[in-house]
N, C-alpha and C. Protein backbone atom coordinates (compact mmCIF):
# COMPACT_ATOMS: atom_id res chain seq x y z
N MET A 1 0.84 -1.20 0.00
CA MET A 1 0.02 0.00 0.02
C MET A 1 0.88 1.25 -0.02
N ASN A 2 0.62 2.23 -0.93
CA ASN A 2 1.43 3.42 -0.94
C ASN A 2 0.98 4.40 0.13
N ILE A 3 1.81 5.43 0.30
CA ILE A 3 1.60 6.37 1.41
C ILE A 3 0.17 7.01 1.31
N GLU A 4 -0.21 7.41 0.10
CA GLU A 4 -1.49 8.04 -0.09
C GLU A 4 -2.65 7.19 0.41
N LYS A 5 -2.58 5.91 -0.01
CA LYS A 5 -3.69 4.95 0.43
C LYS A 5 -3.59 4.68 1.93
N GLU A 6 -2.39 4.69 2.48
CA GLU A 6 -2.27 4.47 3.92
C GLU A 6 -2.92 5.62 4.72
N ILE A 7 -2.71 6.86 4.22
CA ILE A 7 -3.28 8.05 4.87
C ILE A 7 -4.81 8.00 4.88
N ILE A 8 -5.38 7.68 3.67
CA ILE A 8 -6.82 7.58 3.56
C ILE A 8 -7.35 6.49 4.44
N ALA A 9 -6.70 5.33 4.48
CA ALA A 9 -7.16 4.22 5.28
C ALA A 9 -7.13 4.61 6.79
N GLU A 10 -6.08 5.28 7.26
CA GLU A 10 -6.03 5.69 8.60
C GLU A 10 -7.11 6.71 8.93
N ALA A 11 -7.28 7.66 8.02
CA ALA A 11 -8.35 8.66 8.25
C ALA A 11 -9.74 8.03 8.34
N GLN A 12 -9.98 6.99 7.54
CA GLN A 12 -11.26 6.29 7.53
C GLN A 12 -11.42 5.48 8.82
N ARG A 13 -10.31 5.05 9.38
CA ARG A 13 -10.38 4.32 10.65
C ARG A 13 -10.79 5.22 11.83
N LEU A 14 -10.36 6.51 11.74
CA LEU A 14 -10.58 7.49 12.82
C LEU A 14 -11.88 8.25 12.69
N PHE A 15 -12.34 8.43 11.46
CA PHE A 15 -13.52 9.29 11.26
C PHE A 15 -14.59 8.54 10.48
N ASP A 16 -15.84 9.09 10.60
CA ASP A 16 -16.98 8.45 9.94
C ASP A 16 -17.04 8.70 8.43
N ALA A 17 -16.47 9.79 7.99
CA ALA A 17 -16.49 10.09 6.54
C ALA A 17 -15.19 10.84 6.18
N VAL A 18 -14.65 10.56 5.02
CA VAL A 18 -13.36 11.17 4.62
C VAL A 18 -13.41 11.51 3.13
N GLY A 19 -12.98 12.68 2.82
CA GLY A 19 -12.92 13.08 1.39
C GLY A 19 -11.65 13.92 1.20
N VAL A 20 -11.33 14.16 -0.08
CA VAL A 20 -10.09 14.95 -0.48
C VAL A 20 -10.42 15.95 -1.50
N THR A 21 -9.91 17.18 -1.35
CA THR A 21 -9.96 18.13 -2.42
C THR A 21 -8.58 18.81 -2.51
N PRO A 22 -8.19 19.30 -3.69
CA PRO A 22 -6.96 20.05 -3.80
C PRO A 22 -7.12 21.38 -3.09
N TYR A 23 -5.96 21.89 -2.49
CA TYR A 23 -6.07 23.12 -1.73
C TYR A 23 -4.70 23.74 -1.51
N ASP A 24 -4.47 24.98 -1.99
CA ASP A 24 -3.36 25.77 -1.67
C ASP A 24 -2.03 25.05 -1.77
N GLY A 25 -1.77 24.45 -2.95
CA GLY A 25 -0.51 23.77 -3.15
C GLY A 25 -0.36 22.40 -2.52
N GLY A 26 -1.49 21.91 -1.96
CA GLY A 26 -1.45 20.58 -1.34
C GLY A 26 -2.76 19.93 -1.48
N SER A 27 -3.14 19.09 -0.49
CA SER A 27 -4.42 18.38 -0.52
C SER A 27 -5.10 18.69 0.81
N LEU A 28 -6.43 18.73 0.73
CA LEU A 28 -7.21 18.94 1.95
C LEU A 28 -7.98 17.70 2.29
N LEU A 29 -7.71 17.15 3.41
CA LEU A 29 -8.51 16.02 3.91
C LEU A 29 -9.76 16.64 4.61
N ILE A 30 -10.92 16.30 4.10
CA ILE A 30 -12.16 16.73 4.75
C ILE A 30 -12.70 15.52 5.58
N LEU A 31 -12.83 15.76 6.85
CA LEU A 31 -13.11 14.67 7.80
C LEU A 31 -14.48 14.95 8.46
N GLY A 32 -15.27 13.92 8.53
CA GLY A 32 -16.59 14.04 9.17
C GLY A 32 -16.77 13.08 10.32
N LEU A 33 -17.35 13.60 11.42
CA LEU A 33 -17.66 12.76 12.57
C LEU A 33 -19.08 13.02 12.96
N GLU A 34 -19.87 11.99 13.17
CA GLU A 34 -21.28 12.13 13.50
C GLU A 34 -21.42 12.63 14.92
N THR A 35 -22.31 13.61 15.11
CA THR A 35 -22.63 14.02 16.47
C THR A 35 -23.86 13.22 16.95
N THR A 36 -23.77 12.68 18.15
CA THR A 36 -24.82 11.82 18.73
C THR A 36 -25.06 12.30 20.23
N PRO A 37 -26.13 11.79 20.81
CA PRO A 37 -26.30 12.14 22.23
C PRO A 37 -25.13 11.72 23.09
N GLU A 38 -24.48 10.55 22.73
CA GLU A 38 -23.35 10.07 23.47
C GLU A 38 -22.04 10.77 23.14
N ARG A 39 -21.98 11.34 21.94
CA ARG A 39 -20.81 12.06 21.45
C ARG A 39 -21.28 13.41 20.95
N ASP A 40 -21.52 14.32 21.90
CA ASP A 40 -22.15 15.58 21.54
C ASP A 40 -21.08 16.57 21.04
N LEU A 41 -21.00 16.71 19.75
CA LEU A 41 -20.04 17.61 19.14
C LEU A 41 -20.61 19.05 19.07
N ASP A 42 -21.86 19.21 19.47
CA ASP A 42 -22.50 20.55 19.46
C ASP A 42 -22.53 21.17 20.84
N ASP A 43 -21.79 20.63 21.79
CA ASP A 43 -21.71 21.13 23.16
C ASP A 43 -20.77 22.32 23.17
N PHE A 44 -21.29 23.52 23.32
CA PHE A 44 -20.39 24.73 23.35
C PHE A 44 -21.07 25.80 24.18
N PHE A 45 -20.25 26.72 24.68
CA PHE A 45 -20.73 27.82 25.49
C PHE A 45 -19.73 29.01 25.34
N ARG A 46 -20.16 30.14 25.96
CA ARG A 46 -19.26 31.31 25.95
C ARG A 46 -18.87 31.55 27.38
N ASP A 47 -17.55 31.65 27.64
CA ASP A 47 -17.09 31.82 29.01
C ASP A 47 -17.21 33.29 29.44
N GLU A 48 -16.69 33.61 30.68
CA GLU A 48 -16.82 34.94 31.27
C GLU A 48 -16.11 35.99 30.41
N GLN A 49 -15.09 35.60 29.67
CA GLN A 49 -14.41 36.56 28.83
C GLN A 49 -15.04 36.74 27.45
N GLY A 50 -16.13 35.99 27.23
CA GLY A 50 -16.80 36.08 25.94
C GLY A 50 -16.18 35.20 24.87
N ILE A 51 -15.33 34.27 25.25
CA ILE A 51 -14.70 33.39 24.29
C ILE A 51 -15.54 32.10 24.14
N PHE A 52 -15.73 31.73 22.89
CA PHE A 52 -16.46 30.50 22.62
C PHE A 52 -15.63 29.26 22.98
N ARG A 53 -16.24 28.40 23.74
CA ARG A 53 -15.60 27.15 24.13
C ARG A 53 -16.35 25.99 23.49
N LEU A 54 -15.62 25.00 23.07
CA LEU A 54 -16.23 23.87 22.36
C LEU A 54 -15.79 22.56 23.04
N PRO A 55 -16.18 22.35 24.30
CA PRO A 55 -15.64 21.16 24.98
C PRO A 55 -16.00 19.84 24.36
N GLY A 56 -17.23 19.70 23.86
CA GLY A 56 -17.68 18.45 23.25
C GLY A 56 -16.91 18.20 21.95
N PHE A 57 -16.87 19.22 21.11
CA PHE A 57 -16.19 19.08 19.85
C PHE A 57 -14.69 18.75 20.03
N GLU A 58 -14.06 19.57 20.91
CA GLU A 58 -12.63 19.34 21.09
C GLU A 58 -12.31 17.99 21.74
N ALA A 59 -13.14 17.58 22.72
CA ALA A 59 -12.87 16.32 23.45
C ALA A 59 -12.90 15.13 22.48
N HIS A 60 -13.80 15.16 21.51
CA HIS A 60 -13.93 14.00 20.64
C HIS A 60 -13.13 14.11 19.31
N THR A 61 -12.79 15.33 18.91
CA THR A 61 -12.09 15.45 17.62
C THR A 61 -10.58 15.62 17.83
N ARG A 62 -10.17 16.34 18.87
CA ARG A 62 -8.73 16.62 18.99
C ARG A 62 -7.86 15.33 19.02
N PRO A 63 -8.20 14.32 19.85
CA PRO A 63 -7.40 13.08 19.89
C PRO A 63 -7.32 12.45 18.47
N ARG A 64 -8.38 12.42 17.77
CA ARG A 64 -8.41 11.78 16.43
C ARG A 64 -7.56 12.60 15.46
N LEU A 65 -7.68 13.95 15.52
CA LEU A 65 -6.92 14.76 14.63
C LEU A 65 -5.42 14.64 14.93
N ASN A 66 -5.08 14.67 16.24
CA ASN A 66 -3.67 14.55 16.61
C ASN A 66 -3.08 13.23 16.15
N SER A 67 -3.85 12.16 16.32
CA SER A 67 -3.39 10.87 15.88
C SER A 67 -3.19 10.79 14.39
N LEU A 68 -4.09 11.38 13.58
CA LEU A 68 -3.96 11.37 12.13
C LEU A 68 -2.79 12.23 11.68
N ILE A 69 -2.63 13.39 12.29
CA ILE A 69 -1.47 14.27 11.96
C ILE A 69 -0.14 13.61 12.27
N ARG A 70 -0.09 12.96 13.40
CA ARG A 70 1.15 12.21 13.76
C ARG A 70 1.44 11.12 12.77
N PHE A 71 0.40 10.38 12.36
CA PHE A 71 0.53 9.31 11.38
C PHE A 71 1.11 9.84 10.08
N ILE A 72 0.56 10.98 9.66
CA ILE A 72 1.04 11.55 8.38
C ILE A 72 2.48 12.08 8.52
N GLN A 73 2.79 12.75 9.62
CA GLN A 73 4.12 13.33 9.77
C GLN A 73 5.17 12.24 9.92
N GLU A 74 4.80 11.11 10.53
CA GLU A 74 5.77 10.02 10.62
C GLU A 74 6.18 9.44 9.24
N ARG A 75 5.42 9.76 8.23
CA ARG A 75 5.71 9.33 6.88
C ARG A 75 6.43 10.42 6.08
N GLY A 76 6.89 11.44 6.79
CA GLY A 76 7.73 12.47 6.18
C GLY A 76 6.97 13.58 5.46
N LEU A 77 5.71 13.68 5.73
CA LEU A 77 4.86 14.70 5.10
C LEU A 77 4.49 15.78 6.08
N SER A 78 4.06 16.91 5.59
CA SER A 78 3.56 17.99 6.40
C SER A 78 2.07 17.89 6.52
N ALA A 79 1.57 18.05 7.74
CA ALA A 79 0.12 18.01 7.98
C ALA A 79 -0.22 18.95 9.12
N LYS A 80 -1.24 19.71 8.94
CA LYS A 80 -1.76 20.59 10.02
C LYS A 80 -3.26 20.86 9.89
N THR A 81 -3.88 21.09 11.01
CA THR A 81 -5.32 21.36 10.93
C THR A 81 -5.52 22.78 10.38
N VAL A 82 -6.65 22.95 9.76
CA VAL A 82 -7.02 24.30 9.29
C VAL A 82 -7.93 24.89 10.36
N GLY A 83 -7.56 25.96 10.95
CA GLY A 83 -8.38 26.60 11.99
C GLY A 83 -8.27 25.89 13.33
N ARG A 84 -9.26 26.06 14.16
CA ARG A 84 -9.30 25.53 15.51
C ARG A 84 -9.90 24.12 15.50
N CYS A 85 -9.08 23.13 15.88
CA CYS A 85 -9.53 21.75 15.87
C CYS A 85 -10.02 21.35 14.49
N GLY A 86 -9.39 21.85 13.48
CA GLY A 86 -9.78 21.48 12.12
C GLY A 86 -10.98 22.31 11.61
N TYR A 87 -11.47 23.24 12.39
CA TYR A 87 -12.60 24.01 11.98
C TYR A 87 -12.15 25.41 11.62
N PRO A 88 -12.22 25.82 10.36
CA PRO A 88 -11.69 27.11 9.93
C PRO A 88 -12.37 28.26 10.60
N GLN A 89 -11.64 29.37 10.78
CA GLN A 89 -12.11 30.56 11.39
C GLN A 89 -12.49 31.62 10.36
N GLY A 90 -13.59 32.27 10.62
CA GLY A 90 -14.04 33.41 9.76
C GLY A 90 -14.24 32.93 8.32
N GLU A 91 -13.62 33.68 7.44
CA GLU A 91 -13.80 33.40 6.00
C GLU A 91 -12.61 32.55 5.47
N GLU A 92 -11.89 31.93 6.37
CA GLU A 92 -10.69 31.20 5.93
C GLU A 92 -11.01 30.12 4.90
N LEU A 93 -12.12 29.35 5.12
CA LEU A 93 -12.42 28.27 4.24
C LEU A 93 -13.86 27.87 4.51
N ASN A 94 -14.62 27.59 3.47
CA ASN A 94 -16.04 27.15 3.63
C ASN A 94 -16.03 25.64 3.62
N LEU A 95 -16.16 25.02 4.81
CA LEU A 95 -16.05 23.56 4.95
C LEU A 95 -17.24 22.89 4.24
N LYS A 96 -18.39 23.47 4.25
CA LYS A 96 -19.52 22.82 3.61
C LYS A 96 -19.25 22.71 2.09
N GLN A 97 -18.74 23.78 1.45
CA GLN A 97 -18.44 23.72 0.06
C GLN A 97 -17.32 22.65 -0.22
N GLN A 98 -16.36 22.63 0.65
CA GLN A 98 -15.23 21.64 0.44
C GLN A 98 -15.80 20.21 0.61
N ALA A 99 -16.68 20.05 1.59
CA ALA A 99 -17.25 18.67 1.81
C ALA A 99 -18.03 18.18 0.65
N VAL A 100 -18.85 19.09 0.05
CA VAL A 100 -19.60 18.72 -1.14
C VAL A 100 -18.69 18.41 -2.31
N ALA A 101 -17.67 19.29 -2.45
CA ALA A 101 -16.67 19.08 -3.51
C ALA A 101 -15.92 17.79 -3.39
N ALA A 102 -15.74 17.33 -2.13
CA ALA A 102 -15.05 16.09 -1.86
C ALA A 102 -15.92 14.91 -1.96
N GLY A 103 -17.24 15.07 -2.18
CA GLY A 103 -18.15 13.97 -2.30
C GLY A 103 -18.66 13.39 -0.95
N LEU A 104 -18.49 14.16 0.13
CA LEU A 104 -18.99 13.67 1.42
C LEU A 104 -20.50 13.80 1.57
N GLY A 105 -21.13 14.49 0.64
CA GLY A 105 -22.55 14.63 0.75
C GLY A 105 -22.97 15.56 -0.34
N SER A 106 -24.26 15.97 -0.28
CA SER A 106 -24.77 16.93 -1.27
C SER A 106 -25.48 18.07 -0.49
N TRP A 107 -25.70 19.17 -1.24
CA TRP A 107 -26.42 20.26 -0.58
C TRP A 107 -27.84 19.90 -0.32
N GLY A 108 -28.35 20.08 0.86
CA GLY A 108 -29.75 19.80 1.17
C GLY A 108 -30.61 21.10 0.97
N LYS A 109 -31.87 20.87 1.02
CA LYS A 109 -32.73 22.05 0.95
C LYS A 109 -32.56 22.99 2.21
N ASN A 110 -32.03 22.40 3.25
CA ASN A 110 -31.75 23.19 4.46
C ASN A 110 -30.42 23.92 4.40
N SER A 111 -29.77 23.92 3.27
CA SER A 111 -28.49 24.55 2.97
C SER A 111 -27.35 23.88 3.80
N LEU A 112 -27.59 22.68 4.29
CA LEU A 112 -26.57 21.89 5.03
C LEU A 112 -26.08 20.78 4.10
N VAL A 113 -24.95 20.20 4.46
CA VAL A 113 -24.42 19.03 3.76
C VAL A 113 -25.15 17.80 4.26
N LEU A 114 -25.75 17.09 3.34
CA LEU A 114 -26.47 15.86 3.69
C LEU A 114 -25.66 14.63 3.22
N HIS A 115 -25.32 13.80 4.19
CA HIS A 115 -24.63 12.57 3.89
C HIS A 115 -25.69 11.44 3.77
N PRO A 116 -25.54 10.50 2.85
CA PRO A 116 -26.58 9.48 2.68
C PRO A 116 -26.84 8.67 3.97
N LYS A 117 -25.82 8.42 4.76
CA LYS A 117 -26.01 7.61 5.99
C LYS A 117 -26.24 8.52 7.21
N PHE A 118 -25.48 9.58 7.36
CA PHE A 118 -25.52 10.39 8.60
C PHE A 118 -26.42 11.63 8.46
N GLY A 119 -27.00 11.85 7.29
CA GLY A 119 -27.86 13.00 7.09
C GLY A 119 -27.13 14.34 7.37
N PRO A 120 -27.71 15.25 8.12
CA PRO A 120 -27.09 16.56 8.44
C PRO A 120 -26.24 16.48 9.72
N TRP A 121 -25.99 15.32 10.27
CA TRP A 121 -25.34 15.22 11.60
C TRP A 121 -23.83 15.02 11.55
N LEU A 122 -23.23 15.11 10.38
CA LEU A 122 -21.77 15.07 10.32
C LEU A 122 -21.23 16.43 10.69
N ARG A 123 -20.24 16.46 11.62
CA ARG A 123 -19.54 17.68 11.93
C ARG A 123 -18.15 17.62 11.24
N LEU A 124 -17.76 18.69 10.58
CA LEU A 124 -16.66 18.63 9.61
C LEU A 124 -15.37 19.26 10.18
N MET A 125 -14.30 18.74 9.70
CA MET A 125 -12.95 19.25 10.03
C MET A 125 -12.10 19.14 8.77
N ALA A 126 -10.95 19.89 8.78
CA ALA A 126 -10.07 19.85 7.64
C ALA A 126 -8.59 19.81 8.09
N VAL A 127 -7.82 18.95 7.36
CA VAL A 127 -6.40 18.87 7.60
C VAL A 127 -5.67 19.08 6.26
N LYS A 128 -4.76 19.99 6.21
CA LYS A 128 -4.00 20.23 4.99
C LYS A 128 -2.78 19.35 4.98
N VAL A 129 -2.57 18.64 3.88
CA VAL A 129 -1.42 17.75 3.66
C VAL A 129 -0.55 18.23 2.55
N VAL A 130 0.74 18.36 2.81
CA VAL A 130 1.68 18.79 1.75
C VAL A 130 2.82 17.76 1.69
N GLY A 131 3.20 17.42 0.46
CA GLY A 131 4.30 16.50 0.26
C GLY A 131 3.87 15.19 -0.45
N ALA A 132 2.56 15.03 -0.62
CA ALA A 132 2.06 13.87 -1.37
C ALA A 132 0.78 14.28 -2.04
N THR A 133 0.51 13.68 -3.19
CA THR A 133 -0.73 13.98 -3.89
C THR A 133 -1.84 12.99 -3.49
N LEU A 134 -2.82 13.50 -2.75
CA LEU A 134 -3.96 12.70 -2.44
C LEU A 134 -5.02 12.99 -3.48
N PHE A 135 -5.44 11.96 -4.20
CA PHE A 135 -6.30 12.19 -5.28
C PHE A 135 -7.69 12.65 -4.84
N PRO A 136 -8.25 13.64 -5.50
CA PRO A 136 -9.63 14.09 -5.11
C PRO A 136 -10.63 12.93 -5.13
N THR A 137 -11.56 12.91 -4.20
CA THR A 137 -12.53 11.86 -4.09
C THR A 137 -13.79 12.09 -4.89
N SER A 138 -13.88 13.22 -5.54
CA SER A 138 -15.03 13.53 -6.32
C SER A 138 -14.64 14.45 -7.51
N SER A 139 -15.29 14.38 -8.64
CA SER A 139 -14.99 15.22 -9.77
C SER A 139 -16.09 16.19 -10.04
N GLU A 140 -17.11 16.29 -9.19
CA GLU A 140 -18.25 17.11 -9.46
C GLU A 140 -18.04 18.55 -9.00
N GLY A 141 -17.04 18.82 -8.14
CA GLY A 141 -16.84 20.15 -7.63
C GLY A 141 -17.96 20.57 -6.69
N ASP A 142 -18.08 21.85 -6.42
CA ASP A 142 -19.07 22.34 -5.48
C ASP A 142 -20.42 22.43 -6.09
N SER A 143 -21.04 21.25 -6.35
CA SER A 143 -22.28 21.19 -7.08
C SER A 143 -23.46 21.53 -6.14
N GLN A 144 -24.27 22.47 -6.56
CA GLN A 144 -25.47 22.85 -5.80
C GLN A 144 -26.72 22.37 -6.51
N LYS A 145 -26.59 21.36 -7.37
CA LYS A 145 -27.77 20.84 -8.06
C LYS A 145 -28.69 20.15 -7.01
N GLU A 146 -29.94 19.98 -7.40
CA GLU A 146 -30.88 19.39 -6.53
C GLU A 146 -30.50 17.90 -6.25
N THR A 147 -30.63 17.50 -5.00
CA THR A 147 -30.21 16.19 -4.62
C THR A 147 -31.45 15.23 -4.48
N PRO A 148 -31.28 14.01 -4.92
CA PRO A 148 -32.41 13.05 -4.80
C PRO A 148 -32.68 12.72 -3.32
N LEU A 149 -31.77 13.08 -2.42
CA LEU A 149 -32.01 12.84 -0.99
C LEU A 149 -33.22 13.67 -0.46
N CYS A 150 -33.42 14.83 -1.10
CA CYS A 150 -34.54 15.70 -0.64
C CYS A 150 -35.84 15.43 -1.36
N GLN A 151 -35.77 15.19 -2.68
CA GLN A 151 -36.92 14.95 -3.51
C GLN A 151 -38.00 16.01 -3.19
N ASP A 152 -39.21 15.59 -2.84
CA ASP A 152 -40.32 16.55 -2.63
C ASP A 152 -40.42 16.99 -1.18
N CYS A 153 -39.51 16.58 -0.29
CA CYS A 153 -39.57 16.90 1.12
C CYS A 153 -39.32 18.39 1.34
N THR A 154 -40.15 18.96 2.22
CA THR A 154 -39.98 20.38 2.64
C THR A 154 -39.97 20.51 4.13
N ALA A 155 -39.63 19.45 4.82
CA ALA A 155 -39.72 19.42 6.30
C ALA A 155 -38.89 20.55 6.94
N CYS A 156 -37.69 20.79 6.42
CA CYS A 156 -36.81 21.80 7.03
C CYS A 156 -37.35 23.21 6.74
N ILE A 157 -37.87 23.41 5.51
CA ILE A 157 -38.43 24.69 5.18
C ILE A 157 -39.63 25.04 6.03
N ASP A 158 -40.50 24.04 6.21
CA ASP A 158 -41.73 24.23 7.02
C ASP A 158 -41.34 24.48 8.48
N ALA A 159 -40.25 23.89 8.96
CA ALA A 159 -39.89 24.01 10.37
C ALA A 159 -39.13 25.27 10.79
N CYS A 160 -38.56 26.00 9.78
CA CYS A 160 -37.74 27.15 10.07
C CYS A 160 -38.55 28.22 10.78
N PRO A 161 -38.18 28.56 12.04
CA PRO A 161 -38.96 29.55 12.77
C PRO A 161 -38.89 30.94 12.20
N GLN A 162 -37.85 31.22 11.39
CA GLN A 162 -37.69 32.59 10.85
C GLN A 162 -38.24 32.66 9.40
N GLY A 163 -38.60 31.50 8.85
CA GLY A 163 -39.13 31.47 7.50
C GLY A 163 -38.15 31.97 6.47
N ILE A 164 -36.85 31.69 6.66
CA ILE A 164 -35.85 32.20 5.72
C ILE A 164 -35.27 31.12 4.88
N LEU A 165 -35.71 29.90 5.01
CA LEU A 165 -35.21 28.81 4.19
C LEU A 165 -35.99 28.73 2.86
N GLU A 166 -35.28 28.73 1.76
CA GLU A 166 -35.83 28.36 0.47
C GLU A 166 -35.14 27.11 0.02
N PRO A 167 -35.66 26.36 -0.95
CA PRO A 167 -34.97 25.18 -1.35
C PRO A 167 -33.47 25.41 -1.73
N TYR A 168 -32.58 24.76 -0.98
CA TYR A 168 -31.16 24.87 -1.23
C TYR A 168 -30.57 26.27 -1.00
N TYR A 169 -31.27 27.08 -0.30
CA TYR A 169 -30.76 28.48 -0.11
C TYR A 169 -31.27 29.06 1.17
N LEU A 170 -30.36 29.67 1.93
CA LEU A 170 -30.71 30.39 3.13
C LEU A 170 -30.86 31.88 2.77
N ARG A 171 -32.08 32.38 2.75
CA ARG A 171 -32.31 33.72 2.22
C ARG A 171 -31.69 34.85 3.00
N ASP A 172 -31.63 34.69 4.30
CA ASP A 172 -31.05 35.77 5.18
C ASP A 172 -30.34 35.08 6.33
N SER A 173 -29.02 34.83 6.12
CA SER A 173 -28.23 34.06 7.13
C SER A 173 -28.12 34.84 8.46
N GLY A 174 -28.27 36.18 8.40
CA GLY A 174 -28.20 36.97 9.60
C GLY A 174 -29.38 36.75 10.55
N LYS A 175 -30.42 36.25 10.05
CA LYS A 175 -31.62 35.93 10.85
C LYS A 175 -31.68 34.48 11.37
N CYS A 176 -30.71 33.66 10.92
CA CYS A 176 -30.72 32.24 11.29
C CYS A 176 -30.43 32.10 12.75
N GLU A 177 -31.38 31.47 13.47
CA GLU A 177 -31.23 31.35 14.93
C GLU A 177 -30.15 30.36 15.36
N ALA A 178 -29.56 29.69 14.41
CA ALA A 178 -28.37 28.85 14.73
C ALA A 178 -27.17 29.80 15.09
N ASP A 179 -27.24 31.06 14.70
CA ASP A 179 -26.16 31.97 14.92
C ASP A 179 -26.40 32.87 16.12
N LEU A 180 -27.56 32.73 16.78
CA LEU A 180 -27.82 33.57 17.89
C LEU A 180 -26.96 33.26 19.10
N SER A 181 -26.68 34.27 19.93
CA SER A 181 -25.79 33.99 21.05
C SER A 181 -26.54 34.21 22.39
N ASP A 182 -27.83 34.10 22.39
CA ASP A 182 -28.59 34.22 23.68
C ASP A 182 -28.19 33.05 24.54
N LEU A 183 -28.10 33.31 25.85
CA LEU A 183 -27.77 32.25 26.81
C LEU A 183 -28.95 31.66 27.49
N SER A 184 -28.96 30.39 27.63
CA SER A 184 -30.03 29.68 28.41
C SER A 184 -29.70 29.88 29.91
N PRO A 185 -30.64 29.52 30.77
CA PRO A 185 -30.38 29.61 32.21
C PRO A 185 -29.14 28.83 32.64
N LYS A 186 -28.78 27.82 31.96
CA LYS A 186 -27.62 27.01 32.33
C LYS A 186 -26.30 27.58 31.74
N GLY A 187 -26.37 28.75 31.05
CA GLY A 187 -25.17 29.34 30.53
C GLY A 187 -24.82 28.82 29.15
N LYS A 188 -25.63 27.91 28.62
CA LYS A 188 -25.35 27.37 27.32
C LYS A 188 -25.86 28.35 26.23
N LEU A 189 -25.21 28.31 25.08
CA LEU A 189 -25.72 29.09 23.94
C LEU A 189 -26.96 28.36 23.39
N VAL A 190 -27.95 29.16 23.07
CA VAL A 190 -29.17 28.57 22.50
C VAL A 190 -28.94 28.41 21.01
N LEU A 191 -29.11 27.19 20.54
CA LEU A 191 -28.86 26.86 19.16
C LEU A 191 -30.12 26.31 18.54
N CYS A 192 -30.64 26.92 17.50
CA CYS A 192 -31.78 26.37 16.74
C CYS A 192 -31.30 25.23 15.91
N ASP A 193 -31.88 24.07 16.04
CA ASP A 193 -31.46 22.90 15.21
C ASP A 193 -32.65 22.24 14.55
N LYS A 194 -33.72 23.03 14.36
CA LYS A 194 -34.93 22.46 13.78
C LYS A 194 -34.81 21.91 12.40
N CYS A 195 -33.97 22.53 11.58
CA CYS A 195 -33.80 22.04 10.19
C CYS A 195 -32.96 20.77 10.15
N TRP A 196 -32.19 20.52 11.30
CA TRP A 196 -31.45 19.25 11.41
C TRP A 196 -32.38 18.17 11.90
N VAL A 197 -33.16 18.48 12.97
CA VAL A 197 -33.93 17.49 13.71
C VAL A 197 -35.03 16.89 12.80
N VAL A 198 -35.66 17.74 11.99
CA VAL A 198 -36.74 17.25 11.21
C VAL A 198 -36.30 16.52 9.90
N CYS A 199 -35.04 16.67 9.55
CA CYS A 199 -34.54 16.09 8.32
C CYS A 199 -34.59 14.54 8.39
N PRO A 200 -35.25 13.95 7.47
CA PRO A 200 -35.42 12.46 7.49
C PRO A 200 -34.14 11.70 6.96
N VAL A 201 -33.26 12.44 6.31
CA VAL A 201 -32.11 11.80 5.73
C VAL A 201 -31.17 11.26 6.82
N GLY A 202 -30.77 10.00 6.69
CA GLY A 202 -29.89 9.43 7.64
C GLY A 202 -30.51 8.88 8.84
N LYS A 203 -31.83 9.04 9.06
CA LYS A 203 -32.47 8.49 10.21
C LYS A 203 -32.77 6.98 10.07
């Protein structure tokens, strides 16, 4: 087995979904891990200094990312996460676009990446690899064509409390309640997840 295949095999051992896209003179490993009640990757809050903390995401992803990076570096290649725990900051990189381009899923009507098995519940990370050519896992690019996973379903559109979802398009992202920073009595950030919960894909 050559180095490239070894890297993909190790990534697949550690994560639920793996894809590759070319990126900035190297290759980008797009990694997906399913969030579940037992493995809550959406557990986050804002501390007293106003800094976002992601204890659930970091607890479950950091050991896997560290293991994969160590595996790649031991083979003489350069590897590093993009952003914090593999999650890009600001406008650095659009992980949803990269995931679709890598074939990890397709754009859903809820404007999320839908995986055939995990639906909208994959949480994404990225690792940049330099020194070896990892072949792209899809040739379709960032396709936003209609997906057969959605068909005539409008569950996410009907459930949106702000009424800003249109098929495959979020009309006003500034009104999306998934971005609100209101705190619950327990100090947790309130996150609207209605378009995820009602999605039948992957259930």
